[in-house]
Amino acid sequence: MLGSRMSSFDFGLQFLDAEKMTYWGKRQDANFWIENASVGWHEAEAAFHTVARLTLLPRSQLTQADGEITSFDVTGNALPDSTPVGSINRARRQGELASRKARMGAKSVGDIITTLPASKSTCLTT
C-alpha cells in the first residue's frame, strides 16, 4: 500500500584517520583527504558511523507555501568548531544561497537571510 509506510534516511559520518588511511598504498596527510573530494574513503579504513535518522511520517506533506519558505542552511548555521571543511564545502555555501535566492525570488542573498522567518529557517544538527 503506497503512502502508508514511513520512509527513513540515515545520516552517517566517516572519521578522518590519516595515520590509518591510504591512497594507492601510501599514507597521505589530513589535508589531502579533506581537499580531494574525488578520492574515496574506504570503509575498511574509515567506517561509517550512523549519527542520526530522519523519519518521514506516512502521508505527511508540507503545504506549497511552507515548502517554498523552508530551507536547510548547513554551512551557514555550523558552529565554529564544526564548520564544514574542504573545497566542496567552501563552494557549497554560495551554491545554497544562490539556489535559495532563485527559489524565493529575492533581489540579493542578503534579502534571503533577513526575510526568512526564524521558525522556517531550519538548522539540521545532531
N, C-alpha and C. Protein backbone atom coordinates (compact mmCIF):
# COMPACT_ATOMS: atom_id res chain seq x y z
N MET A 1 0.85 -1.18 0.00
CA MET A 1 0.00 0.00 0.00
C MET A 1 0.89 1.25 0.00
N LEU A 2 1.01 1.89 -1.15
CA LEU A 2 1.85 3.07 -1.31
C LEU A 2 1.34 4.21 -0.43
N GLY A 3 2.24 4.90 0.24
CA GLY A 3 1.87 6.03 1.08
C GLY A 3 1.56 5.68 2.52
N SER A 4 1.50 4.39 2.85
CA SER A 4 1.17 4.03 4.22
C SER A 4 2.42 3.66 5.03
N ARG A 5 3.56 3.53 4.36
CA ARG A 5 4.79 3.18 5.07
C ARG A 5 5.63 4.44 5.31
N MET A 6 6.37 4.44 6.41
CA MET A 6 7.26 5.55 6.69
C MET A 6 8.56 5.36 5.93
N SER A 7 9.14 6.45 5.46
CA SER A 7 10.46 6.43 4.84
C SER A 7 11.44 6.98 5.86
N SER A 8 12.65 6.44 5.86
CA SER A 8 13.66 6.98 6.76
C SER A 8 15.00 7.05 6.05
N PHE A 9 15.81 7.98 6.48
CA PHE A 9 17.12 8.23 5.90
C PHE A 9 18.13 8.31 7.04
N ASP A 10 19.19 7.52 6.94
CA ASP A 10 20.25 7.56 7.94
C ASP A 10 21.31 8.56 7.51
N PHE A 11 21.84 9.29 8.49
CA PHE A 11 22.94 10.24 8.26
C PHE A 11 24.18 9.65 8.91
N GLY A 12 25.23 9.53 8.14
CA GLY A 12 26.44 8.90 8.67
C GLY A 12 27.66 9.78 8.52
N LEU A 13 28.64 9.49 9.34
CA LEU A 13 29.93 10.18 9.32
C LEU A 13 31.04 9.17 9.11
N GLN A 14 32.12 9.64 8.52
CA GLN A 14 33.36 8.88 8.50
C GLN A 14 34.39 9.75 9.18
N PHE A 15 35.11 9.20 10.16
CA PHE A 15 36.13 9.96 10.86
C PHE A 15 37.45 9.85 10.13
N LEU A 16 38.10 10.98 9.91
CA LEU A 16 39.39 11.02 9.25
C LEU A 16 40.47 10.50 10.18
N ASP A 17 41.19 9.48 9.74
CA ASP A 17 42.33 8.95 10.48
C ASP A 17 43.48 8.81 9.48
N ALA A 18 44.20 9.92 9.26
CA ALA A 18 45.27 9.97 8.26
C ALA A 18 46.37 8.96 8.54
N GLU A 19 46.51 8.54 9.79
CA GLU A 19 47.53 7.53 10.13
C GLU A 19 47.16 6.15 9.61
N LYS A 20 45.88 5.90 9.42
CA LYS A 20 45.40 4.59 9.01
C LYS A 20 45.02 4.53 7.52
N MET A 21 44.58 5.66 6.98
CA MET A 21 44.06 5.69 5.62
C MET A 21 45.18 5.74 4.58
N THR A 22 44.98 5.04 3.46
CA THR A 22 45.98 5.01 2.40
C THR A 22 45.34 5.30 1.04
N TYR A 23 46.14 5.85 0.16
CA TYR A 23 45.75 6.10 -1.23
C TYR A 23 46.81 5.44 -2.11
N TRP A 24 46.41 4.42 -2.84
CA TRP A 24 47.33 3.61 -3.65
C TRP A 24 48.47 3.08 -2.79
N GLY A 25 48.12 2.65 -1.57
CA GLY A 25 49.10 2.04 -0.68
C GLY A 25 49.97 3.00 0.09
N LYS A 26 49.78 4.30 -0.08
CA LYS A 26 50.62 5.30 0.61
C LYS A 26 49.76 6.13 1.56
N ARG A 27 50.34 6.48 2.67
CA ARG A 27 49.68 7.37 3.62
C ARG A 27 49.77 8.81 3.10
N GLN A 28 48.73 9.56 3.36
CA GLN A 28 48.68 10.97 2.95
C GLN A 28 48.34 11.82 4.17
N ASP A 29 48.70 13.11 4.13
CA ASP A 29 48.37 13.97 5.26
C ASP A 29 46.87 14.30 5.25
N ALA A 30 46.38 14.82 6.37
CA ALA A 30 44.95 15.11 6.52
C ALA A 30 44.44 16.05 5.43
N ASN A 31 45.24 17.03 5.05
CA ASN A 31 44.82 17.99 4.03
C ASN A 31 44.49 17.30 2.71
N PHE A 32 45.25 16.28 2.35
CA PHE A 32 44.99 15.51 1.13
C PHE A 32 43.57 14.96 1.15
N TRP A 33 43.17 14.35 2.24
CA TRP A 33 41.86 13.72 2.34
C TRP A 33 40.73 14.75 2.36
N ILE A 34 40.97 15.89 2.97
CA ILE A 34 39.94 16.93 3.10
C ILE A 34 39.72 17.66 1.78
N GLU A 35 40.80 17.98 1.07
CA GLU A 35 40.70 18.81 -0.13
C GLU A 35 40.40 18.04 -1.41
N ASN A 36 40.59 16.75 -1.44
CA ASN A 36 40.38 15.96 -2.66
C ASN A 36 39.05 15.21 -2.58
N ALA A 37 37.99 15.89 -2.97
CA ALA A 37 36.65 15.30 -2.86
C ALA A 37 36.45 14.09 -3.77
N SER A 38 37.28 13.93 -4.78
CA SER A 38 37.12 12.81 -5.70
C SER A 38 37.78 11.53 -5.19
N VAL A 39 38.52 11.61 -4.09
CA VAL A 39 39.21 10.44 -3.54
C VAL A 39 38.28 9.74 -2.54
N GLY A 40 38.01 8.48 -2.80
CA GLY A 40 37.12 7.72 -1.92
C GLY A 40 37.78 7.37 -0.60
N TRP A 41 36.99 7.33 0.45
CA TRP A 41 37.45 6.89 1.77
C TRP A 41 36.95 5.46 1.93
N HIS A 42 37.85 4.50 1.94
CA HIS A 42 37.47 3.09 2.04
C HIS A 42 36.91 2.79 3.43
N GLU A 43 35.78 2.09 3.45
CA GLU A 43 35.12 1.78 4.72
C GLU A 43 36.00 0.95 5.64
N ALA A 44 36.89 0.15 5.10
CA ALA A 44 37.79 -0.65 5.94
C ALA A 44 38.75 0.25 6.72
N GLU A 45 39.02 1.44 6.20
CA GLU A 45 39.95 2.38 6.87
C GLU A 45 39.22 3.51 7.58
N ALA A 46 38.00 3.78 7.19
CA ALA A 46 37.21 4.85 7.80
C ALA A 46 35.74 4.42 7.76
N ALA A 47 35.34 3.68 8.75
CA ALA A 47 33.98 3.12 8.80
C ALA A 47 32.93 4.23 8.92
N PHE A 48 31.73 3.96 8.40
CA PHE A 48 30.61 4.87 8.58
C PHE A 48 30.03 4.69 9.97
N HIS A 49 29.66 5.79 10.60
CA HIS A 49 29.01 5.78 11.90
C HIS A 49 27.68 6.52 11.73
N THR A 50 26.57 5.84 11.93
CA THR A 50 25.26 6.48 11.84
C THR A 50 25.08 7.39 13.04
N VAL A 51 24.77 8.66 12.77
CA VAL A 51 24.62 9.64 13.85
C VAL A 51 23.21 10.18 13.98
N ALA A 52 22.39 9.94 12.97
CA ALA A 52 21.01 10.44 13.03
C ALA A 52 20.15 9.69 12.01
N ARG A 53 18.85 9.72 12.25
CA ARG A 53 17.90 9.14 11.30
C ARG A 53 16.73 10.11 11.17
N LEU A 54 16.41 10.43 9.93
CA LEU A 54 15.26 11.27 9.62
C LEU A 54 14.15 10.34 9.16
N THR A 55 13.02 10.36 9.86
CA THR A 55 11.88 9.51 9.51
C THR A 55 10.72 10.40 9.09
N LEU A 56 10.21 10.14 7.90
CA LEU A 56 9.08 10.90 7.38
C LEU A 56 7.80 10.16 7.74
N LEU A 57 6.84 10.87 8.24
CA LEU A 57 5.56 10.27 8.61
C LEU A 57 4.77 9.90 7.36
N PRO A 58 4.00 8.82 7.42
CA PRO A 58 3.19 8.44 6.25
C PRO A 58 2.22 9.56 5.87
N ARG A 59 2.12 9.79 4.59
CA ARG A 59 1.18 10.77 4.03
C ARG A 59 1.38 12.18 4.58
N SER A 60 2.55 12.49 5.14
CA SER A 60 2.80 13.86 5.61
C SER A 60 3.29 14.69 4.43
N GLN A 61 2.88 15.92 4.43
CA GLN A 61 3.26 16.78 3.32
C GLN A 61 3.15 18.23 3.78
N LEU A 62 4.15 19.04 3.42
CA LEU A 62 4.08 20.47 3.67
C LEU A 62 3.13 21.10 2.66
N THR A 63 2.51 22.19 3.04
CA THR A 63 1.76 22.94 2.04
C THR A 63 2.77 23.54 1.07
N GLN A 64 2.32 23.92 -0.10
CA GLN A 64 3.24 24.51 -1.07
C GLN A 64 3.89 25.77 -0.50
N ALA A 65 3.12 26.58 0.19
CA ALA A 65 3.66 27.82 0.77
C ALA A 65 4.75 27.52 1.80
N ASP A 66 4.51 26.53 2.69
CA ASP A 66 5.52 26.17 3.68
C ASP A 66 6.75 25.57 3.02
N GLY A 67 6.56 24.77 1.98
CA GLY A 67 7.68 24.18 1.26
C GLY A 67 8.56 25.21 0.60
N GLU A 68 7.95 26.26 0.10
CA GLU A 68 8.71 27.29 -0.60
C GLU A 68 9.56 28.14 0.34
N ILE A 69 9.16 28.27 1.60
CA ILE A 69 9.95 29.10 2.51
C ILE A 69 10.82 28.29 3.47
N THR A 70 10.76 26.98 3.37
CA THR A 70 11.57 26.12 4.24
C THR A 70 12.92 25.88 3.59
N SER A 71 13.98 25.98 4.38
CA SER A 71 15.32 25.75 3.84
C SER A 71 16.22 25.17 4.92
N PHE A 72 17.26 24.49 4.47
CA PHE A 72 18.28 23.94 5.35
C PHE A 72 19.58 24.63 5.01
N ASP A 73 20.12 25.38 5.94
CA ASP A 73 21.38 26.09 5.71
C ASP A 73 22.46 25.39 6.53
N VAL A 74 23.05 24.36 5.97
CA VAL A 74 24.04 23.55 6.68
C VAL A 74 25.30 24.34 6.97
N THR A 75 25.84 25.00 5.95
CA THR A 75 27.12 25.70 6.16
C THR A 75 26.95 27.01 6.93
N GLY A 76 25.85 27.70 6.74
CA GLY A 76 25.65 28.97 7.42
C GLY A 76 25.33 28.84 8.90
N ASN A 77 24.79 27.70 9.32
CA ASN A 77 24.42 27.51 10.72
C ASN A 77 25.39 26.66 11.51
N ALA A 78 26.53 26.33 10.92
CA ALA A 78 27.52 25.49 11.61
C ALA A 78 28.18 26.28 12.74
N LEU A 79 28.44 25.60 13.83
CA LEU A 79 29.20 26.20 14.93
C LEU A 79 30.67 26.30 14.52
N PRO A 80 31.43 27.23 15.11
CA PRO A 80 32.83 27.39 14.70
C PRO A 80 33.65 26.10 14.75
N ASP A 81 33.42 25.25 15.72
CA ASP A 81 34.22 24.02 15.82
C ASP A 81 33.69 22.89 14.95
N SER A 82 32.60 23.12 14.22
CA SER A 82 32.08 22.08 13.32
C SER A 82 31.77 22.64 11.93
N THR A 83 32.46 23.71 11.56
CA THR A 83 32.28 24.29 10.24
C THR A 83 32.73 23.29 9.19
N PRO A 84 31.93 23.03 8.17
CA PRO A 84 32.35 22.10 7.12
C PRO A 84 33.66 22.54 6.49
N VAL A 85 34.53 21.58 6.18
CA VAL A 85 35.84 21.88 5.63
C VAL A 85 35.99 21.32 4.22
N GLY A 86 36.99 21.78 3.50
CA GLY A 86 37.27 21.29 2.16
C GLY A 86 36.71 22.21 1.09
N SER A 87 37.26 22.07 -0.11
CA SER A 87 36.90 22.96 -1.21
C SER A 87 35.42 22.84 -1.60
N ILE A 88 34.87 21.66 -1.53
CA ILE A 88 33.46 21.47 -1.90
C ILE A 88 32.57 22.25 -0.93
N ASN A 89 32.86 22.18 0.35
CA ASN A 89 32.05 22.90 1.33
C ASN A 89 32.25 24.41 1.27
N ARG A 90 33.45 24.86 0.88
CA ARG A 90 33.63 26.31 0.70
C ARG A 90 32.76 26.81 -0.45
N ALA A 91 32.63 26.02 -1.50
CA ALA A 91 31.79 26.41 -2.64
C ALA A 91 30.31 26.21 -2.34
N ARG A 92 30.01 25.27 -1.50
CA ARG A 92 28.63 24.90 -1.20
C ARG A 92 27.81 26.07 -0.66
N ARG A 93 28.39 26.85 0.21
CA ARG A 93 27.67 27.97 0.84
C ARG A 93 27.09 28.90 -0.23
N GLN A 94 27.92 29.27 -1.21
CA GLN A 94 27.44 30.17 -2.26
C GLN A 94 26.36 29.50 -3.12
N GLY A 95 26.54 28.20 -3.38
CA GLY A 95 25.54 27.47 -4.15
C GLY A 95 24.20 27.40 -3.43
N GLU A 96 24.24 27.14 -2.12
CA GLU A 96 23.00 27.08 -1.34
C GLU A 96 22.29 28.43 -1.35
N LEU A 97 23.05 29.49 -1.16
CA LEU A 97 22.44 30.82 -1.14
C LEU A 97 21.88 31.20 -2.50
N ALA A 98 22.60 30.89 -3.58
CA ALA A 98 22.11 31.21 -4.93
C ALA A 98 20.84 30.44 -5.25
N SER A 99 20.79 29.17 -4.85
CA SER A 99 19.60 28.35 -5.09
C SER A 99 18.41 28.92 -4.33
N ARG A 100 18.64 29.28 -3.08
CA ARG A 100 17.56 29.83 -2.26
C ARG A 100 17.09 31.16 -2.85
N LYS A 101 18.03 31.97 -3.32
CA LYS A 101 17.69 33.25 -3.92
C LYS A 101 16.78 33.04 -5.14
N ALA A 102 17.14 32.09 -5.98
CA ALA A 102 16.34 31.82 -7.17
C ALA A 102 14.94 31.32 -6.81
N ARG A 103 14.86 30.41 -5.82
CA ARG A 103 13.56 29.86 -5.43
C ARG A 103 12.66 30.91 -4.79
N MET A 104 13.26 31.83 -4.05
CA MET A 104 12.45 32.79 -3.29
C MET A 104 12.25 34.11 -4.02
N GLY A 105 12.90 34.27 -5.19
CA GLY A 105 12.73 35.50 -5.95
C GLY A 105 13.33 36.71 -5.27
N ALA A 106 14.34 36.51 -4.43
CA ALA A 106 14.96 37.63 -3.72
C ALA A 106 15.86 38.41 -4.68
N LYS A 107 16.03 39.70 -4.40
CA LYS A 107 16.89 40.54 -5.22
C LYS A 107 18.37 40.29 -4.92
N SER A 108 18.65 39.89 -3.68
CA SER A 108 20.04 39.62 -3.30
C SER A 108 20.07 38.53 -2.23
N VAL A 109 21.26 37.98 -2.02
CA VAL A 109 21.42 36.95 -0.99
C VAL A 109 21.10 37.54 0.38
N GLY A 110 21.44 38.80 0.62
CA GLY A 110 21.13 39.46 1.88
C GLY A 110 19.64 39.50 2.15
N ASP A 111 18.84 39.67 1.10
CA ASP A 111 17.38 39.67 1.25
C ASP A 111 16.89 38.34 1.81
N ILE A 112 17.50 37.26 1.38
CA ILE A 112 17.09 35.93 1.83
C ILE A 112 17.30 35.79 3.32
N ILE A 113 18.49 36.15 3.77
CA ILE A 113 18.86 35.96 5.17
C ILE A 113 17.99 36.82 6.07
N THR A 114 17.67 38.04 5.66
CA THR A 114 16.90 38.93 6.52
C THR A 114 15.40 38.69 6.47
N THR A 115 14.89 38.03 5.41
CA THR A 115 13.44 37.87 5.30
C THR A 115 12.93 36.51 5.73
N LEU A 116 13.81 35.54 5.94
CA LEU A 116 13.35 34.22 6.37
C LEU A 116 12.81 34.28 7.79
N PRO A 117 11.60 33.79 8.03
CA PRO A 117 11.10 33.70 9.41
C PRO A 117 11.97 32.72 10.18
N ALA A 118 12.30 33.05 11.41
CA ALA A 118 13.17 32.21 12.21
C ALA A 118 12.66 30.78 12.34
N SER A 119 11.35 30.62 12.43
CA SER A 119 10.80 29.27 12.60
C SER A 119 10.87 28.45 11.32
N LYS A 120 11.10 29.07 10.17
CA LYS A 120 11.14 28.34 8.91
C LYS A 120 12.57 28.14 8.41
N SER A 121 13.54 28.85 8.97
CA SER A 121 14.94 28.65 8.59
C SER A 121 15.47 27.54 9.50
N THR A 122 15.62 26.36 8.97
CA THR A 122 15.89 25.18 9.76
C THR A 122 17.36 24.83 9.75
N CYS A 123 17.91 24.58 10.90
CA CYS A 123 19.28 24.11 11.03
C CYS A 123 19.25 22.65 11.43
N LEU A 124 19.87 21.80 10.62
CA LEU A 124 19.88 20.36 10.90
C LEU A 124 21.12 20.06 11.75
N THR A 125 20.92 19.70 13.00
CA THR A 125 22.04 19.41 13.87
C THR A 125 21.80 18.08 14.56
N THR A 126 22.89 17.53 15.09
CA THR A 126 22.75 16.28 15.84
C THR A 126 23.36 16.45 17.21
